[in-house]
C-alpha atoms as a PDB file:
ATOM      1  CA  UNK A   1     -15.470   9.909 -56.228  1.00  0.00           C
ATOM      2  CA  UNK A   2     -14.719   6.607 -58.741  1.00  0.00           C
ATOM      3  CA  UNK A   3     -13.448   8.669 -61.119  1.00  0.00           C
ATOM      4  CA  UNK A   4     -11.183  10.703 -58.975  1.00  0.00           C
ATOM      5  CA  UNK A   5      -9.485   7.809 -57.939  1.00  0.00           C
ATOM      6  CA  UNK A   6      -9.226   6.323 -61.215  1.00  0.00           C
ATOM      7  CA  UNK A   7      -7.589   9.259 -62.584  1.00  0.00           C
ATOM      8  CA  UNK A   8      -5.219   9.796 -59.319  1.00  0.00           C
ATOM      9  CA  UNK A   9      -4.000   6.058 -60.128  1.00  0.00           C
ATOM     10  CA  UNK A  10      -3.451   6.426 -64.115  1.00  0.00           C
ATOM     11  CA  UNK A  11      -1.766   9.928 -62.886  1.00  0.00           C
ATOM     12  CA  UNK A  12       0.932   7.684 -60.912  1.00  0.00           C
ATOM     13  CA  UNK A  13       1.050   4.949 -63.840  1.00  0.00           C
ATOM     14  CA  UNK A  14       2.190   8.038 -65.916  1.00  0.00           C
ATOM     15  CA  UNK A  15       4.608   9.463 -63.747  1.00  0.00           C
ATOM     16  CA  UNK A  16       6.170   5.954 -63.524  1.00  0.00           C
ATOM     17  CA  UNK A  17       6.031   4.955 -66.807  1.00  0.00           C
ATOM     18  CA  UNK A  18       7.532   8.639 -67.727  1.00  0.00           C
ATOM     19  CA  UNK A  19      10.368   7.580 -65.444  1.00  0.00           C
ATOM     20  CA  UNK A  20      10.629   4.095 -66.577  1.00  0.00           C
ATOM     21  CA  UNK A  21      10.301   4.976 -70.152  1.00  0.00           C
ATOM     22  CA  UNK A  22      13.872   5.544 -71.204  1.00  0.00           C
ATOM     23  CA  UNK A  23      14.253   1.647 -69.824  1.00  0.00           C
ATOM     24  CA  UNK A  24      11.136   0.679 -71.979  1.00  0.00           C
ATOM     25  CA  UNK A  25      12.378   2.081 -75.111  1.00  0.00           C
ATOM     26  CA  UNK A  26      16.175   0.689 -74.451  1.00  0.00           C
ATOM     27  CA  UNK A  27      15.419  -2.775 -73.634  1.00  0.00           C
ATOM     28  CA  UNK A  28      16.201  -5.068 -76.104  1.00  0.00           C
ATOM     29  CA  UNK A  29      13.225  -6.616 -78.233  1.00  0.00           C
ATOM     30  CA  UNK A  30      14.180 -10.266 -77.946  1.00  0.00           C
ATOM     31  CA  UNK A  31      14.266 -10.081 -73.651  1.00  0.00           C
ATOM     32  CA  UNK A  32      10.138  -9.023 -73.839  1.00  0.00           C
ATOM     33  CA  UNK A  33       7.097  -9.651 -75.731  1.00  0.00           C
ATOM     34  CA  UNK A  34       4.502  -6.862 -74.741  1.00  0.00           C
ATOM     35  CA  UNK A  35       3.187  -7.144 -78.168  1.00  0.00           C
ATOM     36  CA  UNK A  36       1.822 -10.598 -77.192  1.00  0.00           C
ATOM     37  CA  UNK A  37       0.295  -9.379 -73.722  1.00  0.00           C
ATOM     38  CA  UNK A  38      -1.796  -6.962 -75.666  1.00  0.00           C
ATOM     39  CA  UNK A  39      -3.100  -9.162 -78.239  1.00  0.00           C
ATOM     40  CA  UNK A  40      -3.970 -11.541 -75.779  1.00  0.00           C
ATOM     41  CA  UNK A  41      -5.818  -9.120 -74.090  1.00  0.00           C
ATOM     42  CA  UNK A  42      -7.585  -7.563 -77.050  1.00  0.00           C
ATOM     43  CA  UNK A  43      -8.851 -10.924 -77.946  1.00  0.00           C
ATOM     44  CA  UNK A  44     -10.593 -11.263 -74.976  1.00  0.00           C
ATOM     45  CA  UNK A  45     -11.965  -7.646 -75.014  1.00  0.00           C
ATOM     46  CA  UNK A  46      -9.516  -5.535 -72.946  1.00  0.00           C
ATOM     47  CA  UNK A  47      -7.833  -2.905 -75.222  1.00  0.00           C
ATOM     48  CA  UNK A  48      -6.525   0.327 -74.045  1.00  0.00           C
ATOM     49  CA  UNK A  49      -3.912   2.813 -73.778  1.00  0.00           C
ATOM     50  CA  UNK A  50      -3.818   1.215 -70.219  1.00  0.00           C
ATOM     51  CA  UNK A  51      -3.513  -2.087 -71.123  1.00  0.00           C
ATOM     52  CA  UNK A  52      -0.527  -1.516 -73.571  1.00  0.00           C
ATOM     53  CA  UNK A  53       1.400   0.818 -70.771  1.00  0.00           C
ATOM     54  CA  UNK A  54       0.842  -2.238 -68.459  1.00  0.00           C
ATOM     55  CA  UNK A  55       1.753  -4.693 -70.992  1.00  0.00           C
ATOM     56  CA  UNK A  56       5.098  -2.497 -71.518  1.00  0.00           C
ATOM     57  CA  UNK A  57       5.993  -2.334 -68.123  1.00  0.00           C
ATOM     58  CA  UNK A  58       5.743  -5.964 -67.807  1.00  0.00           C
ATOM     59  CA  UNK A  59       8.133  -6.588 -70.651  1.00  0.00           C
ATOM     60  CA  UNK A  60      10.889  -4.270 -69.223  1.00  0.00           C
ATOM     61  CA  UNK A  61      12.752  -7.105 -67.106  1.00  0.00           C
ATOM     62  CA  UNK A  62      12.955  -4.748 -64.443  1.00  0.00           C
ATOM     63  CA  UNK A  63      12.567  -5.830 -60.729  1.00  0.00           C
ATOM     64  CA  UNK A  64       8.782  -6.133 -59.871  1.00  0.00           C
ATOM     65  CA  UNK A  65       7.900  -5.800 -63.819  1.00  0.00           C
ATOM     66  CA  UNK A  66       5.393  -8.545 -63.416  1.00  0.00           C
ATOM     67  CA  UNK A  67       3.949  -7.182 -60.439  1.00  0.00           C
ATOM     68  CA  UNK A  68       3.447  -3.602 -61.419  1.00  0.00           C
ATOM     69  CA  UNK A  69       1.817  -5.369 -64.489  1.00  0.00           C
ATOM     70  CA  UNK A  70      -0.642  -7.021 -62.842  1.00  0.00           C
ATOM     71  CA  UNK A  71      -1.561  -4.308 -60.325  1.00  0.00           C
ATOM     72  CA  UNK A  72      -2.254  -2.366 -63.608  1.00  0.00           C
ATOM     73  CA  UNK A  73      -4.232  -4.339 -65.611  1.00  0.00           C
ATOM     74  CA  UNK A  74      -6.436  -5.497 -62.194  1.00  0.00           C
ATOM     75  CA  UNK A  75      -6.793  -1.887 -61.143  1.00  0.00           C
ATOM     76  CA  UNK A  76      -6.456   0.305 -63.686  1.00  0.00           C
ATOM     77  CA  UNK A  77      -8.145  -1.766 -66.569  1.00  0.00           C
ATOM     78  CA  UNK A  78     -10.524  -3.588 -64.464  1.00  0.00           C
ATOM     79  CA  UNK A  79      -8.774  -7.130 -66.229  1.00  0.00           C
ATOM     80  CA  UNK A  80      -9.880 -10.063 -63.837  1.00  0.00           C
ATOM     81  CA  UNK A  81      -6.467 -11.228 -61.869  1.00  0.00           C
ATOM     82  CA  UNK A  82      -5.895 -14.587 -63.663  1.00  0.00           C
ATOM     83  CA  UNK A  83      -5.935 -12.892 -67.126  1.00  0.00           C
ATOM     84  CA  UNK A  84      -3.840 -10.148 -65.828  1.00  0.00           C
ATOM     85  CA  UNK A  85      -1.230 -13.335 -64.602  1.00  0.00           C
ATOM     86  CA  UNK A  86      -1.415 -14.834 -67.986  1.00  0.00           C
ATOM     87  CA  UNK A  87      -0.948 -11.570 -69.891  1.00  0.00           C
ATOM     88  CA  UNK A  88       2.018 -10.028 -67.891  1.00  0.00           C
ATOM     89  CA  UNK A  89       3.927 -13.891 -68.213  1.00  0.00           C
ATOM     90  CA  UNK A  90       3.198 -13.727 -72.167  1.00  0.00           C
ATOM     91  CA  UNK A  91       4.791  -9.641 -71.645  1.00  0.00           C
ATOM     92  CA  UNK A  92       8.365 -11.479 -70.253  1.00  0.00           C
ATOM     93  CA  UNK A  93       8.771 -14.280 -72.985  1.00  0.00           C
END
């Protein structure tokens, strides 16, 4: 059952990512640093496609991007909330 819920969450994330994909690719690199977010998480042992996606979403500069980043990291990647907050803040710098 947990796998079913996780797979559904991943499906939603992928759908959102596909919808925002053009915006993520079009965002100027000077505004966001998702690589800082992914590096921070990798140093703590959290490295996956899910974390990379969450960091990319967190660096888009779109409304609620930080919230979505934190939700993805906490609920999909099982990153503790405090670490997710720090990581998503790094994605915006």
